[in-house]
Amino acid sequence: MYYLYITTGLALIISFFINKEKTIIAVKMAYKKLAKIAPSFLGLIIFISIVLYLVPQELISKSLGNDNKFISVLLASFIGSITLLPGPIAYPLGKVLLSEGVSYMVLAAFTTTLMMVGVLTFPIEKAYFGTKVTIARNALSFLIAIIVAITIGLFFGELL
């Protein structure tokens, strides 16, 4: 992650030396956009944190560790679609679920929808991209997540 910060900082410094005025304008624009969207995301993160605190981890792992792979994948996809977690939290959670007996295919469905499908972020996306684009992006992301889960299930021999 530090490489990203360093690269961004270097690019900003280079941009500043190439064209000081444009760089300052771009930084001001970025700050204004961040300030505009930050309250929505902060509220969303607080809401999700409360929900994850209230739902016991044992309930999640018991539901996702079901012997019926089809139901487990659909449930994991649904939970992942309505939950929003950043990667640094999602992947350790996946490790915990794996140790609780959740299959790789179910974890793939969960983490992929978690990162790609945004039911809770729908209002924010709709405001910026429009309803059609937001629905199309979420539907396509959900389909890709199911394909990824099936591929992982085949790869790890969980489907055959």
N, C-alpha and C. Protein backbone atom coordinates (compact mmCIF):
# COMPACT_ATOMS: atom_id res chain seq x y z
N MET A 1 0.82 -1.19 0.00
CA MET A 1 0.00 0.00 0.00
C MET A 1 0.87 1.26 0.00
N TYR A 2 2.01 1.15 0.66
CA TYR A 2 2.90 2.31 0.72
C TYR A 2 3.42 2.68 -0.67
N TYR A 3 3.57 1.66 -1.54
CA TYR A 3 4.03 1.94 -2.89
C TYR A 3 3.04 2.84 -3.62
N LEU A 4 1.76 2.60 -3.38
CA LEU A 4 0.72 3.43 -4.00
C LEU A 4 0.82 4.87 -3.50
N TYR A 5 1.01 5.04 -2.22
CA TYR A 5 1.14 6.38 -1.66
C TYR A 5 2.38 7.09 -2.21
N ILE A 6 3.47 6.36 -2.26
CA ILE A 6 4.72 6.95 -2.76
C ILE A 6 4.58 7.32 -4.23
N THR A 7 4.00 6.42 -5.03
CA THR A 7 3.81 6.70 -6.46
C THR A 7 2.90 7.90 -6.66
N THR A 8 1.82 7.97 -5.90
CA THR A 8 0.89 9.10 -6.01
C THR A 8 1.58 10.40 -5.62
N GLY A 9 2.34 10.37 -4.53
CA GLY A 9 3.06 11.56 -4.10
C GLY A 9 4.07 12.03 -5.13
N LEU A 10 4.81 11.09 -5.70
CA LEU A 10 5.78 11.45 -6.75
C LEU A 10 5.09 12.01 -7.98
N ALA A 11 3.97 11.40 -8.37
CA ALA A 11 3.23 11.91 -9.53
C ALA A 11 2.71 13.32 -9.26
N LEU A 12 2.27 13.58 -8.05
CA LEU A 12 1.79 14.91 -7.70
C LEU A 12 2.93 15.93 -7.73
N ILE A 13 4.09 15.55 -7.23
CA ILE A 13 5.25 16.45 -7.25
C ILE A 13 5.69 16.75 -8.68
N ILE A 14 5.73 15.70 -9.50
CA ILE A 14 6.10 15.90 -10.91
C ILE A 14 5.09 16.80 -11.61
N SER A 15 3.81 16.54 -11.35
CA SER A 15 2.76 17.37 -11.95
C SER A 15 2.89 18.82 -11.50
N PHE A 16 3.24 19.02 -10.23
CA PHE A 16 3.40 20.37 -9.70
C PHE A 16 4.53 21.11 -10.43
N PHE A 17 5.62 20.42 -10.69
CA PHE A 17 6.74 21.06 -11.39
C PHE A 17 6.43 21.32 -12.86
N ILE A 18 5.62 20.44 -13.45
CA ILE A 18 5.27 20.61 -14.87
C ILE A 18 4.29 21.76 -15.05
N ASN A 19 3.23 21.79 -14.22
CA ASN A 19 2.23 22.85 -14.34
C ASN A 19 1.62 23.12 -12.97
N LYS A 20 2.17 24.11 -12.30
CA LYS A 20 1.79 24.44 -10.92
C LYS A 20 0.30 24.79 -10.82
N GLU A 21 -0.20 25.61 -11.72
CA GLU A 21 -1.59 26.09 -11.65
C GLU A 21 -2.59 24.94 -11.81
N LYS A 22 -2.37 24.11 -12.82
CA LYS A 22 -3.29 23.00 -13.05
C LYS A 22 -3.26 22.01 -11.89
N THR A 23 -2.11 21.77 -11.31
CA THR A 23 -2.00 20.84 -10.19
C THR A 23 -2.76 21.37 -8.99
N ILE A 24 -2.64 22.64 -8.71
CA ILE A 24 -3.36 23.24 -7.58
C ILE A 24 -4.87 23.16 -7.81
N ILE A 25 -5.31 23.44 -9.03
CA ILE A 25 -6.74 23.35 -9.36
C ILE A 25 -7.24 21.92 -9.19
N ALA A 26 -6.45 20.95 -9.66
CA ALA A 26 -6.84 19.54 -9.56
C ALA A 26 -6.92 19.09 -8.10
N VAL A 27 -5.98 19.52 -7.28
CA VAL A 27 -6.00 19.14 -5.87
C VAL A 27 -7.22 19.76 -5.18
N LYS A 28 -7.53 21.00 -5.49
CA LYS A 28 -8.72 21.64 -4.91
C LYS A 28 -10.01 20.92 -5.33
N MET A 29 -10.09 20.54 -6.62
CA MET A 29 -11.26 19.81 -7.11
C MET A 29 -11.39 18.46 -6.39
N ALA A 30 -10.29 17.77 -6.25
CA ALA A 30 -10.30 16.46 -5.58
C ALA A 30 -10.74 16.60 -4.12
N TYR A 31 -10.25 17.63 -3.47
CA TYR A 31 -10.62 17.87 -2.08
C TYR A 31 -12.12 18.15 -1.96
N LYS A 32 -12.66 18.97 -2.85
CA LYS A 32 -14.09 19.29 -2.81
C LYS A 32 -14.94 18.05 -3.03
N LYS A 33 -14.54 17.19 -3.99
CA LYS A 33 -15.30 15.96 -4.26
C LYS A 33 -15.21 15.01 -3.06
N LEU A 34 -14.04 14.90 -2.47
CA LEU A 34 -13.88 14.05 -1.31
C LEU A 34 -14.74 14.56 -0.15
N ALA A 35 -14.73 15.86 0.08
CA ALA A 35 -15.52 16.44 1.16
C ALA A 35 -17.02 16.24 0.92
N LYS A 36 -17.42 16.22 -0.33
CA LYS A 36 -18.83 16.04 -0.67
C LYS A 36 -19.30 14.60 -0.45
N ILE A 37 -18.45 13.63 -0.79
CA ILE A 37 -18.85 12.23 -0.71
C ILE A 37 -18.52 11.59 0.64
N ALA A 38 -17.62 12.15 1.39
CA ALA A 38 -17.16 11.56 2.66
C ALA A 38 -18.30 11.32 3.67
N PRO A 39 -19.22 12.26 3.88
CA PRO A 39 -20.29 11.98 4.86
C PRO A 39 -21.14 10.76 4.49
N SER A 40 -21.42 10.57 3.22
CA SER A 40 -22.22 9.41 2.80
C SER A 40 -21.48 8.12 3.10
N PHE A 41 -20.21 8.06 2.75
CA PHE A 41 -19.43 6.85 3.00
C PHE A 41 -19.22 6.63 4.49
N LEU A 42 -18.99 7.67 5.24
CA LEU A 42 -18.81 7.53 6.68
C LEU A 42 -20.07 6.97 7.33
N GLY A 43 -21.22 7.49 6.94
CA GLY A 43 -22.49 6.97 7.45
C GLY A 43 -22.68 5.51 7.11
N LEU A 44 -22.32 5.15 5.89
CA LEU A 44 -22.43 3.77 5.43
C LEU A 44 -21.52 2.85 6.22
N ILE A 45 -20.30 3.27 6.46
CA ILE A 45 -19.35 2.46 7.22
C ILE A 45 -19.81 2.29 8.66
N ILE A 46 -20.36 3.33 9.25
CA ILE A 46 -20.87 3.23 10.62
C ILE A 46 -22.04 2.25 10.68
N PHE A 47 -22.96 2.35 9.73
CA PHE A 47 -24.12 1.46 9.69
C PHE A 47 -23.67 0.00 9.56
N ILE A 48 -22.76 -0.26 8.66
CA ILE A 48 -22.28 -1.63 8.42
C ILE A 48 -21.54 -2.16 9.64
N SER A 49 -20.77 -1.31 10.28
CA SER A 49 -20.05 -1.73 11.49
C SER A 49 -21.03 -2.15 12.58
N ILE A 50 -22.11 -1.43 12.73
CA ILE A 50 -23.12 -1.76 13.74
C ILE A 50 -23.78 -3.09 13.40
N VAL A 51 -24.14 -3.28 12.14
CA VAL A 51 -24.77 -4.53 11.72
C VAL A 51 -23.84 -5.71 11.96
N LEU A 52 -22.58 -5.58 11.57
CA LEU A 52 -21.62 -6.68 11.76
C LEU A 52 -21.37 -6.95 13.24
N TYR A 53 -21.47 -5.95 14.06
CA TYR A 53 -21.31 -6.14 15.49
C TYR A 53 -22.50 -6.91 16.07
N LEU A 54 -23.69 -6.63 15.56
CA LEU A 54 -24.90 -7.25 16.10
C LEU A 54 -25.11 -8.69 15.62
N VAL A 55 -24.59 -9.03 14.44
CA VAL A 55 -24.75 -10.39 13.91
C VAL A 55 -23.56 -11.23 14.37
N PRO A 56 -23.82 -12.27 15.14
CA PRO A 56 -22.71 -13.09 15.65
C PRO A 56 -21.95 -13.80 14.52
N GLN A 57 -20.65 -13.86 14.66
CA GLN A 57 -19.80 -14.50 13.64
C GLN A 57 -20.14 -15.98 13.51
N GLU A 58 -20.53 -16.62 14.60
CA GLU A 58 -20.89 -18.04 14.57
C GLU A 58 -22.10 -18.27 13.67
N LEU A 59 -23.05 -17.36 13.71
CA LEU A 59 -24.24 -17.49 12.86
C LEU A 59 -23.86 -17.40 11.38
N ILE A 60 -22.96 -16.49 11.08
CA ILE A 60 -22.52 -16.34 9.70
C ILE A 60 -21.80 -17.60 9.24
N SER A 61 -20.85 -18.09 10.02
CA SER A 61 -20.09 -19.26 9.60
C SER A 61 -20.96 -20.52 9.55
N LYS A 62 -21.95 -20.65 10.45
CA LYS A 62 -22.85 -21.80 10.43
C LYS A 62 -23.74 -21.76 9.17
N SER A 63 -24.21 -20.58 8.82
CA SER A 63 -25.07 -20.44 7.65
C SER A 63 -24.30 -20.67 6.35
N LEU A 64 -23.09 -20.20 6.30
CA LEU A 64 -22.29 -20.33 5.07
C LEU A 64 -21.61 -21.68 4.95
N GLY A 65 -21.50 -22.42 6.04
CA GLY A 65 -20.85 -23.72 6.01
C GLY A 65 -21.82 -24.86 5.73
N ASN A 66 -22.99 -24.54 5.24
CA ASN A 66 -24.04 -25.52 4.93
C ASN A 66 -23.53 -26.56 3.93
N ASP A 67 -24.03 -27.79 4.03
CA ASP A 67 -23.63 -28.86 3.09
C ASP A 67 -24.17 -28.62 1.69
N ASN A 68 -25.28 -27.92 1.57
CA ASN A 68 -25.85 -27.62 0.26
C ASN A 68 -25.08 -26.43 -0.33
N LYS A 69 -24.18 -26.70 -1.25
CA LYS A 69 -23.30 -25.67 -1.82
C LYS A 69 -24.10 -24.59 -2.56
N PHE A 70 -25.15 -24.99 -3.25
CA PHE A 70 -25.96 -24.04 -4.01
C PHE A 70 -26.57 -22.99 -3.09
N ILE A 71 -27.19 -23.45 -2.01
CA ILE A 71 -27.80 -22.52 -1.06
C ILE A 71 -26.74 -21.68 -0.37
N SER A 72 -25.62 -22.29 -0.01
CA SER A 72 -24.54 -21.56 0.64
C SER A 72 -23.97 -20.46 -0.25
N VAL A 73 -23.79 -20.78 -1.54
CA VAL A 73 -23.26 -19.78 -2.49
C VAL A 73 -24.27 -18.64 -2.66
N LEU A 74 -25.54 -18.98 -2.79
CA LEU A 74 -26.56 -17.92 -2.94
C LEU A 74 -26.64 -17.06 -1.68
N LEU A 75 -26.60 -17.68 -0.53
CA LEU A 75 -26.65 -16.94 0.74
C LEU A 75 -25.41 -16.06 0.89
N ALA A 76 -24.25 -16.62 0.58
CA ALA A 76 -23.01 -15.84 0.66
C ALA A 76 -23.03 -14.68 -0.31
N SER A 77 -23.56 -14.90 -1.50
CA SER A 77 -23.66 -13.83 -2.50
C SER A 77 -24.61 -12.74 -2.04
N PHE A 78 -25.72 -13.15 -1.43
CA PHE A 78 -26.68 -12.17 -0.92
C PHE A 78 -26.07 -11.36 0.22
N ILE A 79 -25.44 -12.04 1.16
CA ILE A 79 -24.82 -11.34 2.30
C ILE A 79 -23.71 -10.41 1.81
N GLY A 80 -22.88 -10.91 0.90
CA GLY A 80 -21.81 -10.09 0.35
C GLY A 80 -22.32 -8.88 -0.41
N SER A 81 -23.46 -9.04 -1.09
CA SER A 81 -24.02 -7.94 -1.88
C SER A 81 -24.55 -6.80 -1.02
N ILE A 82 -25.07 -7.15 0.14
CA ILE A 82 -25.65 -6.10 0.99
C ILE A 82 -24.69 -5.60 2.06
N THR A 83 -23.49 -6.17 2.08
CA THR A 83 -22.48 -5.76 3.05
C THR A 83 -21.38 -5.01 2.32
N LEU A 84 -20.74 -4.12 3.00
CA LEU A 84 -19.65 -3.36 2.40
C LEU A 84 -18.47 -3.38 3.37
N LEU A 85 -17.41 -4.05 2.96
CA LEU A 85 -16.21 -4.10 3.77
C LEU A 85 -15.00 -3.85 2.89
N PRO A 86 -14.02 -3.15 3.38
CA PRO A 86 -12.79 -2.99 2.60
C PRO A 86 -11.97 -4.29 2.64
N GLY A 87 -11.12 -4.46 1.64
CA GLY A 87 -10.29 -5.65 1.53
C GLY A 87 -9.52 -6.01 2.78
N PRO A 88 -8.89 -5.03 3.44
CA PRO A 88 -8.12 -5.37 4.65
C PRO A 88 -8.96 -5.99 5.77
N ILE A 89 -10.27 -5.83 5.71
CA ILE A 89 -11.15 -6.46 6.69
C ILE A 89 -11.77 -7.73 6.10
N ALA A 90 -12.12 -7.68 4.82
CA ALA A 90 -12.81 -8.80 4.17
C ALA A 90 -11.94 -10.05 4.10
N TYR A 91 -10.68 -9.93 3.76
CA TYR A 91 -9.84 -11.10 3.59
C TYR A 91 -9.52 -11.80 4.91
N PRO A 92 -9.21 -11.08 5.98
CA PRO A 92 -9.06 -11.79 7.27
C PRO A 92 -10.37 -12.45 7.72
N LEU A 93 -11.50 -11.82 7.43
CA LEU A 93 -12.78 -12.43 7.75
C LEU A 93 -12.94 -13.73 6.96
N GLY A 94 -12.52 -13.73 5.70
CA GLY A 94 -12.55 -14.93 4.89
C GLY A 94 -11.70 -16.04 5.49
N LYS A 95 -10.55 -15.68 6.01
CA LYS A 95 -9.67 -16.66 6.67
C LYS A 95 -10.35 -17.27 7.89
N VAL A 96 -11.02 -16.45 8.67
CA VAL A 96 -11.74 -16.94 9.85
C VAL A 96 -12.87 -17.88 9.41
N LEU A 97 -13.61 -17.49 8.37
CA LEU A 97 -14.70 -18.33 7.88
C LEU A 97 -14.16 -19.66 7.33
N LEU A 98 -13.01 -19.61 6.67
CA LEU A 98 -12.39 -20.82 6.15
C LEU A 98 -12.04 -21.77 7.31
N SER A 99 -11.51 -21.21 8.38
CA SER A 99 -11.18 -22.05 9.55
C SER A 99 -12.43 -22.60 10.23
N GLU A 100 -13.58 -21.97 9.98
CA GLU A 100 -14.85 -22.44 10.55
C GLU A 100 -15.52 -23.48 9.65
N GLY A 101 -14.88 -23.80 8.52
CA GLY A 101 -15.42 -24.86 7.65
C GLY A 101 -16.15 -24.38 6.42
N VAL A 102 -16.12 -23.10 6.13
CA VAL A 102 -16.77 -22.57 4.94
C VAL A 102 -15.89 -22.91 3.73
N SER A 103 -16.52 -23.37 2.65
CA SER A 103 -15.76 -23.83 1.48
C SER A 103 -15.18 -22.64 0.70
N TYR A 104 -14.18 -22.96 -0.12
CA TYR A 104 -13.55 -21.93 -0.95
C TYR A 104 -14.55 -21.32 -1.93
N MET A 105 -15.44 -22.14 -2.45
CA MET A 105 -16.42 -21.64 -3.41
C MET A 105 -17.35 -20.61 -2.75
N VAL A 106 -17.79 -20.90 -1.56
CA VAL A 106 -18.66 -19.99 -0.83
C VAL A 106 -17.90 -18.72 -0.46
N LEU A 107 -16.66 -18.88 -0.04
CA LEU A 107 -15.83 -17.70 0.28
C LEU A 107 -15.60 -16.83 -0.95
N ALA A 108 -15.41 -17.48 -2.10
CA ALA A 108 -15.24 -16.72 -3.35
C ALA A 108 -16.49 -15.91 -3.66
N ALA A 109 -17.66 -16.53 -3.51
CA ALA A 109 -18.92 -15.82 -3.76
C ALA A 109 -19.08 -14.66 -2.78
N PHE A 110 -18.76 -14.92 -1.52
CA PHE A 110 -18.91 -13.89 -0.49
C PHE A 110 -17.97 -12.70 -0.72
N THR A 111 -16.69 -12.99 -0.87
CA THR A 111 -15.73 -11.89 -0.99
C THR A 111 -15.86 -11.15 -2.32
N THR A 112 -16.20 -11.87 -3.38
CA THR A 112 -16.34 -11.20 -4.67
C THR A 112 -17.54 -10.27 -4.68
N THR A 113 -18.67 -10.73 -4.17
CA THR A 113 -19.84 -9.84 -4.10
C THR A 113 -19.61 -8.73 -3.09
N LEU A 114 -18.91 -9.05 -2.03
CA LEU A 114 -18.59 -8.05 -1.02
C LEU A 114 -17.85 -6.86 -1.62
N MET A 115 -16.92 -7.15 -2.51
CA MET A 115 -16.09 -6.10 -3.10
C MET A 115 -16.71 -5.48 -4.35
N MET A 116 -17.55 -6.23 -5.07
CA MET A 116 -18.01 -5.76 -6.38
C MET A 116 -19.46 -5.31 -6.44
N VAL A 117 -20.33 -5.89 -5.63
CA VAL A 117 -21.76 -5.57 -5.70
C VAL A 117 -22.08 -4.63 -4.56
N GLY A 118 -22.82 -3.56 -4.86
CA GLY A 118 -23.09 -2.56 -3.83
C GLY A 118 -24.55 -2.23 -3.67
N VAL A 119 -25.29 -3.06 -2.92
CA VAL A 119 -26.69 -2.75 -2.66
C VAL A 119 -26.79 -1.53 -1.76
N LEU A 120 -25.95 -1.48 -0.72
CA LEU A 120 -25.99 -0.34 0.20
C LEU A 120 -25.45 0.94 -0.43
N THR A 121 -24.58 0.79 -1.40
CA THR A 121 -24.02 1.98 -2.05
C THR A 121 -24.86 2.42 -3.25
N PHE A 122 -25.97 1.74 -3.49
CA PHE A 122 -26.81 2.05 -4.65
C PHE A 122 -27.21 3.53 -4.72
N PRO A 123 -27.69 4.13 -3.62
CA PRO A 123 -28.09 5.54 -3.71
C PRO A 123 -26.93 6.47 -4.09
N ILE A 124 -25.75 6.17 -3.58
CA ILE A 124 -24.59 7.00 -3.91
C ILE A 124 -24.20 6.82 -5.37
N GLU A 125 -24.14 5.56 -5.81
CA GLU A 125 -23.80 5.29 -7.21
C GLU A 125 -24.84 5.89 -8.14
N LYS A 126 -26.10 5.77 -7.79
CA LYS A 126 -27.18 6.30 -8.62
C LYS A 126 -27.04 7.80 -8.80
N ALA A 127 -26.64 8.47 -7.74
CA ALA A 127 -26.48 9.93 -7.81
C ALA A 127 -25.36 10.33 -8.77
N TYR A 128 -24.33 9.51 -8.84
CA TYR A 128 -23.18 9.86 -9.68
C TYR A 128 -23.24 9.26 -11.08
N PHE A 129 -23.78 8.04 -11.21
CA PHE A 129 -23.74 7.34 -12.49
C PHE A 129 -25.10 7.18 -13.15
N GLY A 130 -26.18 7.36 -12.41
CA GLY A 130 -27.52 7.14 -12.95
C GLY A 130 -28.02 5.74 -12.62
N THR A 131 -29.33 5.58 -12.68
CA THR A 131 -29.96 4.32 -12.29
C THR A 131 -29.58 3.17 -13.22
N LYS A 132 -29.66 3.39 -14.54
CA LYS A 132 -29.37 2.31 -15.50
C LYS A 132 -27.95 1.77 -15.34
N VAL A 133 -26.99 2.65 -15.27
CA VAL A 133 -25.59 2.23 -15.15
C VAL A 133 -25.36 1.51 -13.83
N THR A 134 -25.95 2.00 -12.77
CA THR A 134 -25.77 1.38 -11.45
C THR A 134 -26.37 -0.02 -11.42
N ILE A 135 -27.58 -0.17 -11.96
CA ILE A 135 -28.21 -1.50 -12.00
C ILE A 135 -27.40 -2.44 -12.89
N ALA A 136 -26.98 -1.95 -14.05
CA ALA A 136 -26.20 -2.79 -14.97
C ALA A 136 -24.88 -3.21 -14.33
N ARG A 137 -24.20 -2.29 -13.67
CA ARG A 137 -22.93 -2.61 -13.04
C ARG A 137 -23.10 -3.64 -11.93
N ASN A 138 -24.11 -3.46 -11.10
CA ASN A 138 -24.35 -4.40 -10.00
C ASN A 138 -24.77 -5.77 -10.51
N ALA A 139 -25.63 -5.82 -11.51
CA ALA A 139 -26.08 -7.11 -12.07
C ALA A 139 -24.90 -7.85 -12.71
N LEU A 140 -24.11 -7.14 -13.48
CA LEU A 140 -22.94 -7.76 -14.12
C LEU A 140 -21.93 -8.22 -13.07
N SER A 141 -21.72 -7.42 -12.04
CA SER A 141 -20.80 -7.79 -10.97
C SER A 141 -21.29 -9.04 -10.23
N PHE A 142 -22.60 -9.13 -10.01
CA PHE A 142 -23.16 -10.31 -9.34
C PHE A 142 -22.95 -11.55 -10.20
N LEU A 143 -23.21 -11.44 -11.50
CA LEU A 143 -23.01 -12.56 -12.41
C LEU A 143 -21.54 -12.99 -12.43
N ILE A 144 -20.64 -12.04 -12.49
CA ILE A 144 -19.21 -12.35 -12.47
C ILE A 144 -18.84 -13.05 -11.17
N ALA A 145 -19.40 -12.61 -10.06
CA ALA A 145 -19.12 -13.23 -8.76
C ALA A 145 -19.56 -14.69 -8.74
N ILE A 146 -20.71 -14.99 -9.32
CA ILE A 146 -21.20 -16.37 -9.37
C ILE A 146 -20.28 -17.21 -10.26
N ILE A 147 -19.85 -16.64 -11.39
CA ILE A 147 -18.92 -17.35 -12.28
C ILE A 147 -17.60 -17.63 -11.57
N VAL A 148 -17.10 -16.64 -10.83
CA VAL A 148 -15.86 -16.81 -10.07
C VAL A 148 -16.04 -17.93 -9.03
N ALA A 149 -17.17 -17.92 -8.32
CA ALA A 149 -17.41 -18.94 -7.29
C ALA A 149 -17.46 -20.33 -7.91
N ILE A 150 -18.14 -20.48 -9.05
CA ILE A 150 -18.21 -21.78 -9.71
C ILE A 150 -16.83 -22.22 -10.18
N THR A 151 -16.07 -21.29 -10.73
CA THR A 151 -14.72 -21.61 -11.18
C THR A 151 -13.85 -22.07 -10.02
N ILE A 152 -13.92 -21.36 -8.91
CA ILE A 152 -13.16 -21.74 -7.71
C ILE A 152 -13.63 -23.11 -7.21
N GLY A 153 -14.94 -23.35 -7.23
CA GLY A 153 -15.47 -24.65 -6.81
C GLY A 153 -14.96 -25.78 -7.68
N LEU A 154 -14.89 -25.54 -8.98
CA LEU A 154 -14.35 -26.56 -9.89
C LEU A 154 -12.86 -26.75 -9.64
N PHE A 155 -12.13 -25.67 -9.48
CA PHE A 155 -10.68 -25.72 -9.28
C PHE A 155 -10.32 -26.50 -8.02
N PHE A 156 -11.06 -26.28 -6.94
CA PHE A 156 -10.77 -26.95 -5.67
C PHE A 156 -11.52 -28.26 -5.50
N GLY A 157 -12.25 -28.69 -6.54
CA GLY A 157 -12.95 -29.96 -6.51
C GLY A 157 -14.13 -29.99 -5.57
N GLU A 158 -14.74 -28.87 -5.33
CA GLU A 158 -15.89 -28.79 -4.41
C GLU A 158 -17.22 -29.04 -5.12
N LEU A 159 -17.22 -29.03 -6.43
CA LEU A 159 -18.46 -29.24 -7.16
C LEU A 159 -18.59 -30.67 -7.69
N LEU A 160 -17.52 -31.33 -7.87
CA LEU A 160 -17.57 -32.68 -8.44
C LEU A 160 -17.39 -33.75 -7.41
